[in-house]
Amino acid sequence: MNGSVPAQPPEALLGVAADHATRAVPIAGPAESVAKVRGALAGRAFESANDVAVLDGAALAGVVPVERLLAADGDMQIADVMDSAPPVVAPGDDQEVVAWRMIERGQSSIAVVDGAGRFAGLIPPNRMLAVLLAEHHEDLARV
């Protein structure tokens, strides 16, 4: 290594929340049982499976961390174990602000919701880590 700041990875060059969101995450309805949702996870591939997005139609109703899903009684409904007021960001929110909000709240992912309350996706932690690293490199380059 020659001491220079490495080039930013292409995914870190994107600037807003919507650029980092994915809908390839587990999705459930509030009335579904915990057991049904756990069973639906098996044998499927997701871009990120840290959290289950709970949707009521197209609207985000809440988020369930997988750890909580695994620990819950199978007879419970998802509505009983979800965080019904998870932190959300707008599609146009700056990526650096989104990354810091996610870290401050201790979230494993953060939901992107449009102005009408429609779910646009979850931002997984690996994408926000790339953002923080790129922003750090940018700050070092300025110094």
Protein backbone atom coordinates (compact mmCIF):
# COMPACT_ATOMS: atom_id res chain seq x y z
CA MET A 1 0.00 0.00 0.00
CA ASN A 2 1.37 3.40 -0.92
CA GLY A 3 -0.47 5.44 1.73
CA SER A 4 -2.99 6.90 -0.67
CA VAL A 5 -6.71 6.74 -0.04
CA PRO A 6 -8.24 3.83 -1.97
CA ALA A 7 -10.80 4.52 -4.65
CA GLN A 8 -14.40 4.36 -3.52
CA PRO A 9 -16.24 1.17 -4.42
CA PRO A 10 -18.97 1.79 -7.04
CA GLU A 11 -21.84 1.07 -4.60
CA ALA A 12 -20.55 3.77 -2.23
CA LEU A 13 -20.80 6.44 -4.93
CA LEU A 14 -24.58 6.39 -4.75
CA GLY A 15 -25.97 9.27 -2.78
CA VAL A 16 -29.46 8.61 -1.40
CA ALA A 17 -31.34 6.00 0.61
CA ALA A 18 -33.29 4.59 -2.35
CA ASP A 19 -30.02 3.69 -4.07
CA HIS A 20 -29.16 1.29 -1.23
CA ALA A 21 -32.58 -0.25 -0.50
CA THR A 22 -33.56 -3.77 -1.47
CA ARG A 23 -36.93 -5.50 -1.54
CA ALA A 24 -35.20 -8.91 -1.59
CA VAL A 25 -35.88 -9.31 2.14
CA PRO A 26 -38.28 -11.48 4.14
CA ILE A 27 -41.78 -9.98 4.13
CA ALA A 28 -44.73 -10.92 6.30
CA GLY A 29 -48.21 -9.70 7.15
CA PRO A 30 -49.12 -8.59 10.68
CA ALA A 31 -51.70 -11.37 11.15
CA GLU A 32 -49.35 -14.20 10.11
CA SER A 33 -48.12 -16.55 12.81
CA VAL A 34 -44.50 -16.52 13.89
CA ALA A 35 -44.28 -20.23 12.99
CA LYS A 36 -45.56 -19.61 9.45
CA VAL A 37 -43.08 -16.80 8.85
CA ARG A 38 -40.16 -18.82 10.23
CA GLY A 39 -41.15 -21.72 7.97
CA ALA A 40 -41.36 -19.43 4.95
CA LEU A 41 -37.73 -18.35 5.44
CA ALA A 42 -36.34 -21.86 4.92
CA GLY A 43 -35.13 -22.69 1.44
CA ARG A 44 -35.28 -19.10 0.17
CA ALA A 45 -32.47 -16.73 -0.69
CA PHE A 46 -32.59 -13.09 0.34
CA GLU A 47 -30.24 -10.22 -0.31
CA SER A 48 -30.54 -9.49 3.41
CA ALA A 49 -32.33 -11.51 6.11
CA ASN A 50 -31.47 -9.47 9.20
CA ASP A 51 -35.04 -8.22 9.57
CA VAL A 52 -38.50 -9.16 8.37
CA ALA A 53 -40.45 -6.27 6.87
CA VAL A 54 -44.07 -6.41 8.01
CA LEU A 55 -46.41 -4.98 5.38
CA ASP A 56 -50.07 -4.08 5.55
CA GLY A 57 -50.80 -3.93 1.84
CA ALA A 58 -48.04 -1.74 0.42
CA ALA A 59 -47.48 0.14 3.69
CA LEU A 60 -44.81 -0.69 6.25
CA ALA A 61 -46.50 -1.81 9.47
CA GLY A 62 -43.32 -2.73 11.32
CA VAL A 63 -40.07 -4.65 11.39
CA VAL A 64 -39.11 -7.86 13.20
CA PRO A 65 -35.44 -8.60 13.82
CA VAL A 66 -34.71 -12.23 12.95
CA GLU A 67 -33.34 -12.78 16.45
CA ARG A 68 -36.73 -11.81 17.92
CA LEU A 69 -38.56 -13.96 15.35
CA LEU A 70 -36.50 -17.01 16.28
CA ALA A 71 -37.03 -16.49 20.03
CA ALA A 72 -40.80 -15.89 19.82
CA ASP A 73 -43.49 -18.49 20.50
CA GLY A 74 -44.64 -19.94 17.18
CA ASP A 75 -48.31 -19.37 18.00
CA MET A 76 -47.87 -15.60 18.35
CA GLN A 77 -48.81 -13.26 15.54
CA ILE A 78 -46.14 -11.18 13.84
CA ALA A 79 -47.96 -8.03 15.04
CA ASP A 80 -47.19 -9.12 18.62
CA VAL A 81 -43.42 -9.30 18.07
CA MET A 82 -42.80 -6.53 15.54
CA ASP A 83 -41.48 -3.07 16.23
CA SER A 84 -44.49 -1.05 15.07
CA ALA A 85 -42.53 2.22 15.05
CA PRO A 86 -39.19 1.35 13.45
CA PRO A 87 -36.95 4.13 12.24
CA VAL A 88 -37.62 4.92 8.61
CA VAL A 89 -36.00 7.13 6.02
CA ALA A 90 -37.29 8.70 2.84
CA PRO A 91 -36.03 7.54 -0.56
CA GLY A 92 -34.23 10.86 -1.12
CA ASP A 93 -32.50 11.07 2.27
CA ASP A 94 -28.73 11.48 2.08
CA GLN A 95 -26.85 8.21 2.46
CA GLU A 96 -24.53 9.52 5.18
CA VAL A 97 -27.47 10.71 7.30
CA VAL A 98 -29.15 7.32 6.82
CA ALA A 99 -26.02 5.46 7.93
CA TRP A 100 -25.67 7.54 11.08
CA ARG A 101 -29.39 7.18 11.92
CA MET A 102 -29.09 3.41 11.59
CA ILE A 103 -26.06 3.32 13.89
CA GLU A 104 -27.55 5.71 16.45
CA ARG A 105 -30.67 3.55 16.76
CA GLY A 106 -28.68 0.29 16.86
CA GLN A 107 -30.59 -1.15 13.92
CA SER A 108 -29.46 -4.06 11.78
CA SER A 109 -31.26 -2.48 8.83
CA ILE A 110 -33.41 0.55 8.16
CA ALA A 111 -36.62 0.83 6.18
CA VAL A 112 -37.11 3.17 3.25
CA VAL A 113 -40.69 4.47 3.03
CA ASP A 114 -42.05 6.97 0.53
CA GLY A 115 -44.23 9.98 1.36
CA ALA A 116 -47.41 7.90 1.05
CA GLY A 117 -46.09 5.34 3.54
CA ARG A 118 -45.35 2.69 0.90
CA PHE A 119 -42.48 0.33 1.62
CA ALA A 120 -39.58 0.81 -0.80
CA GLY A 121 -37.17 -1.66 0.82
CA LEU A 122 -34.73 -2.25 3.64
CA ILE A 123 -31.16 -1.03 3.63
CA PRO A 124 -28.91 -3.83 4.87
CA PRO A 125 -25.95 -3.16 7.17
CA ASN A 126 -23.26 -4.10 4.65
CA ARG A 127 -24.40 -1.29 2.34
CA MET A 128 -24.33 1.29 5.11
CA LEU A 129 -20.90 0.10 6.22
CA ALA A 130 -19.68 0.73 2.67
CA VAL A 131 -21.20 4.22 2.83
CA LEU A 132 -19.47 5.02 6.11
CA LEU A 133 -16.16 3.75 4.77
CA ALA A 134 -16.50 5.81 1.58
CA GLU A 135 -17.49 8.92 3.54
CA HIS A 136 -14.50 8.37 5.85
CA HIS A 137 -12.16 8.11 2.85
CA GLU A 138 -13.72 11.25 1.38
CA ASP A 139 -13.15 13.11 4.65
CA LEU A 140 -9.53 11.91 4.80
CA ALA A 141 -8.95 13.07 1.23
CA ARG A 142 -10.14 16.56 2.20
CA VAL A 143 -7.66 16.69 5.08
